[in-house]
Amino acid sequence: MSKNELMKKIQALSFALLETNLFLDTHVNNKEALDYYYDIKDKLGRLTEEYEENYGPITASGTVSDGEWSWVLEEWPWQSGAED
């Protein structure tokens, strides 16, 4: 999967996770929504990990533990061009 495709999937899953979170704020006993939330959260975690392993951190918590605060040393996700 290209860098661009991976970022688009991460963005879509992030949106779905947030929207499901908001839904669960008012539907606390909805098991189907809760199961969906955990499924999306798991997928988002895996894709974020894949992205960060291949292209660098996209969140401060994804900083590579190399003794430096590498979060600010890499190109920010929105700074990249249309390259894949």
PDB file of N, CA and C in Angstrom:
ATOM      1  N   MET A   1       0.846  -1.165   0.000  1.00  0.00           N
ATOM      2  CA  MET A   1       0.000   0.000   0.000  1.00  0.00           C
ATOM      3  C   MET A   1       0.901   1.240   0.000  1.00  0.00           C
ATOM      4  N   SER A   2       0.557   2.204  -0.828  1.00  0.00           N
ATOM      5  CA  SER A   2       1.384   3.409  -0.917  1.00  0.00           C
ATOM      6  C   SER A   2       1.200   4.288   0.322  1.00  0.00           C
ATOM      7  N   LYS A   3       2.109   5.215   0.488  1.00  0.00           N
ATOM      8  CA  LYS A   3       2.065   6.147   1.614  1.00  0.00           C
ATOM      9  C   LYS A   3       0.752   6.931   1.603  1.00  0.00           C
ATOM     10  N   ASN A   4       0.364   7.393   0.442  1.00  0.00           N
ATOM     11  CA  ASN A   4      -0.865   8.173   0.289  1.00  0.00           C
ATOM     12  C   ASN A   4      -2.109   7.348   0.635  1.00  0.00           C
ATOM     13  N   GLU A   5      -2.168   6.130   0.128  1.00  0.00           N
ATOM     14  CA  GLU A   5      -3.308   5.247   0.411  1.00  0.00           C
ATOM     15  C   GLU A   5      -3.405   4.923   1.895  1.00  0.00           C
ATOM     16  N   LEU A   6      -2.267   4.677   2.492  1.00  0.00           N
ATOM     17  CA  LEU A   6      -2.228   4.352   3.918  1.00  0.00           C
ATOM     18  C   LEU A   6      -2.720   5.542   4.749  1.00  0.00           C
ATOM     19  N   MET A   7      -2.283   6.748   4.395  1.00  0.00           N
ATOM     20  CA  MET A   7      -2.710   7.933   5.131  1.00  0.00           C
ATOM     21  C   MET A   7      -4.218   8.154   4.972  1.00  0.00           C
ATOM     22  N   LYS A   8      -4.744   7.941   3.794  1.00  0.00           N
ATOM     23  CA  LYS A   8      -6.188   8.102   3.579  1.00  0.00           C
ATOM     24  C   LYS A   8      -6.989   7.120   4.428  1.00  0.00           C
ATOM     25  N   LYS A   9      -6.513   5.889   4.521  1.00  0.00           N
ATOM     26  CA  LYS A   9      -7.195   4.889   5.348  1.00  0.00           C
ATOM     27  C   LYS A   9      -7.124   5.264   6.826  1.00  0.00           C
ATOM     28  N   ILE A  10      -5.979   5.761   7.253  1.00  0.00           N
ATOM     29  CA  ILE A  10      -5.821   6.192   8.646  1.00  0.00           C
ATOM     30  C   ILE A  10      -6.772   7.347   8.950  1.00  0.00           C
ATOM     31  N   GLN A  11      -6.872   8.285   8.038  1.00  0.00           N
ATOM     32  CA  GLN A  11      -7.778   9.422   8.231  1.00  0.00           C
ATOM     33  C   GLN A  11      -9.235   8.968   8.291  1.00  0.00           C
ATOM     34  N   ALA A  12      -9.619   8.061   7.426  1.00  0.00           N
ATOM     35  CA  ALA A  12     -11.000   7.559   7.413  1.00  0.00           C
ATOM     36  C   ALA A  12     -11.319   6.808   8.704  1.00  0.00           C
ATOM     37  N   LEU A  13     -10.386   5.975   9.154  1.00  0.00           N
ATOM     38  CA  LEU A  13     -10.611   5.234  10.394  1.00  0.00           C
ATOM     39  C   LEU A  13     -10.631   6.165  11.603  1.00  0.00           C
ATOM     40  N   SER A  14      -9.805   7.196  11.592  1.00  0.00           N
ATOM     41  CA  SER A  14      -9.802   8.171  12.686  1.00  0.00           C
ATOM     42  C   SER A  14     -11.151   8.867  12.778  1.00  0.00           C
ATOM     43  N   PHE A  15     -11.703   9.222  11.624  1.00  0.00           N
ATOM     44  CA  PHE A  15     -13.016   9.857  11.586  1.00  0.00           C
ATOM     45  C   PHE A  15     -14.086   8.900  12.114  1.00  0.00           C
ATOM     46  N   ALA A  16     -14.056   7.661  11.654  1.00  0.00           N
ATOM     47  CA  ALA A  16     -15.044   6.670  12.090  1.00  0.00           C
ATOM     48  C   ALA A  16     -14.942   6.426  13.599  1.00  0.00           C
ATOM     49  N   LEU A  17     -13.723   6.401  14.109  1.00  0.00           N
ATOM     50  CA  LEU A  17     -13.524   6.186  15.544  1.00  0.00           C
ATOM     51  C   LEU A  17     -14.102   7.344  16.354  1.00  0.00           C
ATOM     52  N   LEU A  18     -13.844   8.558  15.912  1.00  0.00           N
ATOM     53  CA  LEU A  18     -14.369   9.729  16.604  1.00  0.00           C
ATOM     54  C   LEU A  18     -15.890   9.759  16.565  1.00  0.00           C
ATOM     55  N   GLU A  19     -16.469   9.504  15.416  1.00  0.00           N
ATOM     56  CA  GLU A  19     -17.925   9.510  15.287  1.00  0.00           C
ATOM     57  C   GLU A  19     -18.567   8.417  16.143  1.00  0.00           C
ATOM     58  N   THR A  20     -17.949   7.262  16.187  1.00  0.00           N
ATOM     59  CA  THR A  20     -18.472   6.177  17.015  1.00  0.00           C
ATOM     60  C   THR A  20     -18.353   6.535  18.486  1.00  0.00           C
ATOM     61  N   ASN A  21     -17.266   7.198  18.852  1.00  0.00           N
ATOM     62  CA  ASN A  21     -17.084   7.666  20.223  1.00  0.00           C
ATOM     63  C   ASN A  21     -18.218   8.616  20.607  1.00  0.00           C
ATOM     64  N   LEU A  22     -18.538   9.536  19.732  1.00  0.00           N
ATOM     65  CA  LEU A  22     -19.623  10.482  19.998  1.00  0.00           C
ATOM     66  C   LEU A  22     -20.973   9.767  20.115  1.00  0.00           C
ATOM     67  N   PHE A  23     -21.204   8.791  19.259  1.00  0.00           N
ATOM     68  CA  PHE A  23     -22.441   8.012  19.316  1.00  0.00           C
ATOM     69  C   PHE A  23     -22.551   7.285  20.652  1.00  0.00           C
ATOM     70  N   LEU A  24     -21.432   6.710  21.089  1.00  0.00           N
ATOM     71  CA  LEU A  24     -21.435   5.959  22.348  1.00  0.00           C
ATOM     72  C   LEU A  24     -21.631   6.864  23.564  1.00  0.00           C
ATOM     73  N   ASP A  25     -21.331   8.143  23.427  1.00  0.00           N
ATOM     74  CA  ASP A  25     -21.592   9.078  24.527  1.00  0.00           C
ATOM     75  C   ASP A  25     -23.069   9.129  24.881  1.00  0.00           C
ATOM     76  N   THR A  26     -23.931   8.905  23.899  1.00  0.00           N
ATOM     77  CA  THR A  26     -25.375   8.976  24.142  1.00  0.00           C
ATOM     78  C   THR A  26     -26.066   7.621  24.043  1.00  0.00           C
ATOM     79  N   HIS A  27     -25.319   6.587  23.663  1.00  0.00           N
ATOM     80  CA  HIS A  27     -25.876   5.239  23.532  1.00  0.00           C
ATOM     81  C   HIS A  27     -24.932   4.256  24.234  1.00  0.00           C
ATOM     82  N   VAL A  28     -24.776   4.456  25.517  1.00  0.00           N
ATOM     83  CA  VAL A  28     -23.743   3.737  26.273  1.00  0.00           C
ATOM     84  C   VAL A  28     -23.938   2.226  26.333  1.00  0.00           C
ATOM     85  N   ASN A  29     -25.133   1.754  26.116  1.00  0.00           N
ATOM     86  CA  ASN A  29     -25.398   0.312  26.205  1.00  0.00           C
ATOM     87  C   ASN A  29     -25.497  -0.370  24.840  1.00  0.00           C
ATOM     88  N   ASN A  30     -25.094   0.319  23.783  1.00  0.00           N
ATOM     89  CA  ASN A  30     -25.194  -0.241  22.441  1.00  0.00           C
ATOM     90  C   ASN A  30     -23.985  -1.140  22.178  1.00  0.00           C
ATOM     91  N   LYS A  31     -24.171  -2.442  22.349  1.00  0.00           N
ATOM     92  CA  LYS A  31     -23.072  -3.404  22.198  1.00  0.00           C
ATOM     93  C   LYS A  31     -22.525  -3.426  20.773  1.00  0.00           C
ATOM     94  N   GLU A  32     -23.402  -3.306  19.791  1.00  0.00           N
ATOM     95  CA  GLU A  32     -22.956  -3.319  18.399  1.00  0.00           C
ATOM     96  C   GLU A  32     -22.014  -2.140  18.120  1.00  0.00           C
ATOM     97  N   ALA A  33     -22.364  -0.974  18.623  1.00  0.00           N
ATOM     98  CA  ALA A  33     -21.517   0.207  18.429  1.00  0.00           C
ATOM     99  C   ALA A  33     -20.200   0.049  19.179  1.00  0.00           C
ATOM    100  N   LEU A  34     -20.243  -0.517  20.366  1.00  0.00           N
ATOM    101  CA  LEU A  34     -19.024  -0.725  21.139  1.00  0.00           C
ATOM    102  C   LEU A  34     -18.094  -1.729  20.448  1.00  0.00           C
ATOM    103  N   ASP A  35     -18.669  -2.791  19.915  1.00  0.00           N
ATOM    104  CA  ASP A  35     -17.869  -3.770  19.165  1.00  0.00           C
ATOM    105  C   ASP A  35     -17.239  -3.114  17.935  1.00  0.00           C
ATOM    106  N   TYR A  36     -18.027  -2.280  17.251  1.00  0.00           N
ATOM    107  CA  TYR A  36     -17.528  -1.553  16.076  1.00  0.00           C
ATOM    108  C   TYR A  36     -16.382  -0.623  16.481  1.00  0.00           C
ATOM    109  N   TYR A  37     -16.548   0.069  17.593  1.00  0.00           N
ATOM    110  CA  TYR A  37     -15.517   0.974  18.099  1.00  0.00           C
ATOM    111  C   TYR A  37     -14.204   0.226  18.309  1.00  0.00           C
ATOM    112  N   TYR A  38     -14.266  -0.913  18.993  1.00  0.00           N
ATOM    113  CA  TYR A  38     -13.043  -1.672  19.262  1.00  0.00           C
ATOM    114  C   TYR A  38     -12.430  -2.236  17.973  1.00  0.00           C
ATOM    115  N   ASP A  39     -13.264  -2.619  17.023  1.00  0.00           N
ATOM    116  CA  ASP A  39     -12.763  -3.109  15.747  1.00  0.00           C
ATOM    117  C   ASP A  39     -12.023  -1.999  14.997  1.00  0.00           C
ATOM    118  N   ILE A  40     -12.632  -0.827  14.920  1.00  0.00           N
ATOM    119  CA  ILE A  40     -12.011   0.304  14.233  1.00  0.00           C
ATOM    120  C   ILE A  40     -10.733   0.726  14.962  1.00  0.00           C
ATOM    121  N   LYS A  41     -10.770   0.743  16.274  1.00  0.00           N
ATOM    122  CA  LYS A  41      -9.600   1.128  17.061  1.00  0.00           C
ATOM    123  C   LYS A  41      -8.433   0.182  16.785  1.00  0.00           C
ATOM    124  N   ASP A  42      -8.721  -1.108  16.701  1.00  0.00           N
ATOM    125  CA  ASP A  42      -7.691  -2.105  16.418  1.00  0.00           C
ATOM    126  C   ASP A  42      -7.112  -1.902  15.018  1.00  0.00           C
ATOM    127  N   LYS A  43      -7.979  -1.718  14.023  1.00  0.00           N
ATOM    128  CA  LYS A  43      -7.518  -1.494  12.643  1.00  0.00           C
ATOM    129  C   LYS A  43      -6.687  -0.228  12.542  1.00  0.00           C
ATOM    130  N   LEU A  44      -7.144   0.833  13.193  1.00  0.00           N
ATOM    131  CA  LEU A  44      -6.420   2.099  13.170  1.00  0.00           C
ATOM    132  C   LEU A  44      -5.040   1.938  13.799  1.00  0.00           C
ATOM    133  N   GLY A  45      -4.968   1.220  14.892  1.00  0.00           N
ATOM    134  CA  GLY A  45      -3.680   0.984  15.545  1.00  0.00           C
ATOM    135  C   GLY A  45      -2.708   0.248  14.642  1.00  0.00           C
ATOM    136  N   ARG A  46      -3.199  -0.787  13.963  1.00  0.00           N
ATOM    137  CA  ARG A  46      -2.330  -1.560  13.068  1.00  0.00           C
ATOM    138  C   ARG A  46      -1.847  -0.718  11.888  1.00  0.00           C
ATOM    139  N   LEU A  47      -2.756   0.064  11.286  1.00  0.00           N
ATOM    140  CA  LEU A  47      -2.358   0.885  10.141  1.00  0.00           C
ATOM    141  C   LEU A  47      -1.420   2.016  10.551  1.00  0.00           C
ATOM    142  N   THR A  48      -1.658   2.595  11.726  1.00  0.00           N
ATOM    143  CA  THR A  48      -0.770   3.645  12.223  1.00  0.00           C
ATOM    144  C   THR A  48       0.621   3.084  12.472  1.00  0.00           C
ATOM    145  N   GLU A  49       0.674   1.909  13.051  1.00  0.00           N
ATOM    146  CA  GLU A  49       1.961   1.253  13.288  1.00  0.00           C
ATOM    147  C   GLU A  49       2.679   0.980  11.970  1.00  0.00           C
ATOM    148  N   GLU A  50       1.943   0.484  10.976  1.00  0.00           N
ATOM    149  CA  GLU A  50       2.536   0.215   9.659  1.00  0.00           C
ATOM    150  C   GLU A  50       3.070   1.501   9.038  1.00  0.00           C
ATOM    151  N   TYR A  51       2.282   2.564   9.110  1.00  0.00           N
ATOM    152  CA  TYR A  51       2.704   3.838   8.544  1.00  0.00           C
ATOM    153  C   TYR A  51       3.985   4.325   9.230  1.00  0.00           C
ATOM    154  N   GLU A  52       3.991   4.306  10.550  1.00  0.00           N
ATOM    155  CA  GLU A  52       5.130   4.829  11.292  1.00  0.00           C
ATOM    156  C   GLU A  52       6.390   3.995  11.093  1.00  0.00           C
ATOM    157  N   GLU A  53       6.233   2.704  10.901  1.00  0.00           N
ATOM    158  CA  GLU A  53       7.395   1.851  10.630  1.00  0.00           C
ATOM    159  C   GLU A  53       8.010   2.178   9.277  1.00  0.00           C
ATOM    160  N   ASN A  54       7.160   2.534   8.310  1.00  0.00           N
ATOM    161  CA  ASN A  54       7.629   2.775   6.954  1.00  0.00           C
ATOM    162  C   ASN A  54       7.934   4.231   6.633  1.00  0.00           C
ATOM    163  N   TYR A  55       7.218   5.160   7.251  1.00  0.00           N
ATOM    164  CA  TYR A  55       7.322   6.558   6.835  1.00  0.00           C
ATOM    165  C   TYR A  55       7.620   7.536   7.964  1.00  0.00           C
ATOM    166  N   GLY A  56       7.682   7.092   9.191  1.00  0.00           N
ATOM    167  CA  GLY A  56       7.960   7.977  10.313  1.00  0.00           C
ATOM    168  C   GLY A  56       6.704   8.265  11.123  1.00  0.00           C
ATOM    169  N   PRO A  57       6.870   8.911  12.256  1.00  0.00           N
ATOM    170  CA  PRO A  57       5.751   9.138  13.172  1.00  0.00           C
ATOM    171  C   PRO A  57       4.694  10.078  12.603  1.00  0.00           C
ATOM    172  N   ILE A  58       3.435   9.787  12.913  1.00  0.00           N
ATOM    173  CA  ILE A  58       2.345  10.695  12.552  1.00  0.00           C
ATOM    174  C   ILE A  58       1.658  11.229  13.799  1.00  0.00           C
ATOM    175  N   THR A  59       2.073  10.736  14.948  1.00  0.00           N
ATOM    176  CA  THR A  59       1.609  11.271  16.227  1.00  0.00           C
ATOM    177  C   THR A  59       2.820  11.378  17.139  1.00  0.00           C
ATOM    178  N   ALA A  60       2.714  12.216  18.149  1.00  0.00           N
ATOM    179  CA  ALA A  60       3.827  12.354  19.083  1.00  0.00           C
ATOM    180  C   ALA A  60       4.123  11.034  19.779  1.00  0.00           C
ATOM    181  N   SER A  61       3.096  10.218  20.000  1.00  0.00           N
ATOM    182  CA  SER A  61       3.320   8.932  20.655  1.00  0.00           C
ATOM    183  C   SER A  61       3.999   7.930  19.730  1.00  0.00           C
ATOM    184  N   GLY A  62       4.095   8.233  18.444  1.00  0.00           N
ATOM    185  CA  GLY A  62       4.758   7.353  17.496  1.00  0.00           C
ATOM    186  C   GLY A  62       6.230   7.666  17.324  1.00  0.00           C
ATOM    187  N   THR A  63       6.751   8.510  18.190  1.00  0.00           N
ATOM    188  CA  THR A  63       8.154   8.906  18.105  1.00  0.00           C
ATOM    189  C   THR A  63       9.058   7.693  18.234  1.00  0.00           C
ATOM    190  N   VAL A  64       9.993   7.596  17.341  1.00  0.00           N
ATOM    191  CA  VAL A  64      10.967   6.505  17.383  1.00  0.00           C
ATOM    192  C   VAL A  64      11.847   6.707  18.601  1.00  0.00           C
ATOM    193  N   SER A  65      12.024   5.671  19.366  1.00  0.00           N
ATOM    194  CA  SER A  65      12.811   5.789  20.599  1.00  0.00           C
ATOM    195  C   SER A  65      14.287   5.592  20.296  1.00  0.00           C
ATOM    196  N   ASP A  66      14.886   6.588  19.660  1.00  0.00           N
ATOM    197  CA  ASP A  66      16.301   6.533  19.328  1.00  0.00           C
ATOM    198  C   ASP A  66      17.111   7.535  20.143  1.00  0.00           C
ATOM    199  N   GLY A  67      16.531   7.984  21.255  1.00  0.00           N
ATOM    200  CA  GLY A  67      17.226   8.934  22.103  1.00  0.00           C
ATOM    201  C   GLY A  67      17.001  10.379  21.706  1.00  0.00           C
ATOM    202  N   GLU A  68      16.265  10.596  20.626  1.00  0.00           N
ATOM    203  CA  GLU A  68      15.955  11.945  20.179  1.00  0.00           C
ATOM    204  C   GLU A  68      14.453  12.125  20.102  1.00  0.00           C
ATOM    205  N   TRP A  69      14.035  13.349  20.129  1.00  0.00           N
ATOM    206  CA  TRP A  69      12.619  13.670  19.955  1.00  0.00           C
ATOM    207  C   TRP A  69      12.384  13.775  18.457  1.00  0.00           C
ATOM    208  N   SER A  70      12.307  12.624  17.789  1.00  0.00           N
ATOM    209  CA  SER A  70      12.276  12.568  16.331  1.00  0.00           C
ATOM    210  C   SER A  70      10.961  13.005  15.712  1.00  0.00           C
ATOM    211  N   TRP A  71       9.962  13.232  16.543  1.00  0.00           N
ATOM    212  CA  TRP A  71       8.654  13.678  16.049  1.00  0.00           C
ATOM    213  C   TRP A  71       8.799  14.922  15.180  1.00  0.00           C
ATOM    214  N   VAL A  72       9.662  15.837  15.543  1.00  0.00           N
ATOM    215  CA  VAL A  72       9.784  17.092  14.811  1.00  0.00           C
ATOM    216  C   VAL A  72      10.862  17.062  13.730  1.00  0.00           C
ATOM    217  N   LEU A  73      11.609  15.979  13.642  1.00  0.00           N
ATOM    218  CA  LEU A  73      12.695  15.901  12.682  1.00  0.00           C
ATOM    219  C   LEU A  73      12.252  15.418  11.305  1.00  0.00           C
ATOM    220  N   GLU A  74      11.169  14.702  11.246  1.00  0.00           N
ATOM    221  CA  GLU A  74      10.675  14.151   9.991  1.00  0.00           C
ATOM    222  C   GLU A  74       9.717  15.135   9.325  1.00  0.00           C
ATOM    223  N   GLU A  75       9.433  14.883   8.056  1.00  0.00           N
ATOM    224  CA  GLU A  75       8.422  15.656   7.344  1.00  0.00           C
ATOM    225  C   GLU A  75       7.063  15.371   7.955  1.00  0.00           C
ATOM    226  N   TRP A  76       6.257  16.386   8.181  1.00  0.00           N
ATOM    227  CA  TRP A  76       4.931  16.206   8.739  1.00  0.00           C
ATOM    228  C   TRP A  76       4.021  15.598   7.676  1.00  0.00           C
ATOM    229  N   PRO A  77       3.057  14.774   8.056  1.00  0.00           N
ATOM    230  CA  PRO A  77       2.218  14.078   7.068  1.00  0.00           C
ATOM    231  C   PRO A  77       1.591  15.001   6.028  1.00  0.00           C
ATOM    232  N   TRP A  78       1.180  16.188   6.415  1.00  0.00           N
ATOM    233  CA  TRP A  78       0.517  17.090   5.473  1.00  0.00           C
ATOM    234  C   TRP A  78       1.505  17.882   4.626  1.00  0.00           C
ATOM    235  N   GLN A  79       2.792  17.773   4.917  1.00  0.00           N
ATOM    236  CA  GLN A  79       3.801  18.459   4.140  1.00  0.00           C
ATOM    237  C   GLN A  79       4.234  17.665   2.921  1.00  0.00           C
ATOM    238  N   SER A  80       3.941  16.402   2.903  1.00  0.00           N
ATOM    239  CA  SER A  80       4.379  15.581   1.784  1.00  0.00           C
ATOM    240  C   SER A  80       3.573  15.921   0.549  1.00  0.00           C
ATOM    241  N   GLY A  81       4.200  15.787  -0.570  1.00  0.00           N
ATOM    242  CA  GLY A  81       3.525  16.052  -1.838  1.00  0.00           C
ATOM    243  C   GLY A  81       2.612  14.906  -2.203  1.00  0.00           C
ATOM    244  N   ALA A  82       2.280  14.807  -3.440  1.00  0.00           N
ATOM    245  CA  ALA A  82       1.387  13.763  -3.914  1.00  0.00           C
ATOM    246  C   ALA A  82       2.116  12.460  -4.168  1.00  0.00           C
ATOM    247  N   GLU A  83       3.366  12.401  -3.756  1.00  0.00           N
ATOM    248  CA  GLU A  83       4.153  11.192  -3.993  1.00  0.00           C
ATOM    249  C   GLU A  83       3.597  10.018  -3.215  1.00  0.00           C
ATOM    250  N   ASP A  84       3.809   8.851  -3.715  1.00  0.00           N
ATOM    251  CA  ASP A  84       3.325   7.626  -3.061  1.00  0.00           C
ATOM    252  C   ASP A  84       4.432   6.906  -2.382  1.00  0.00           C
TER     253      ASP A  84
END
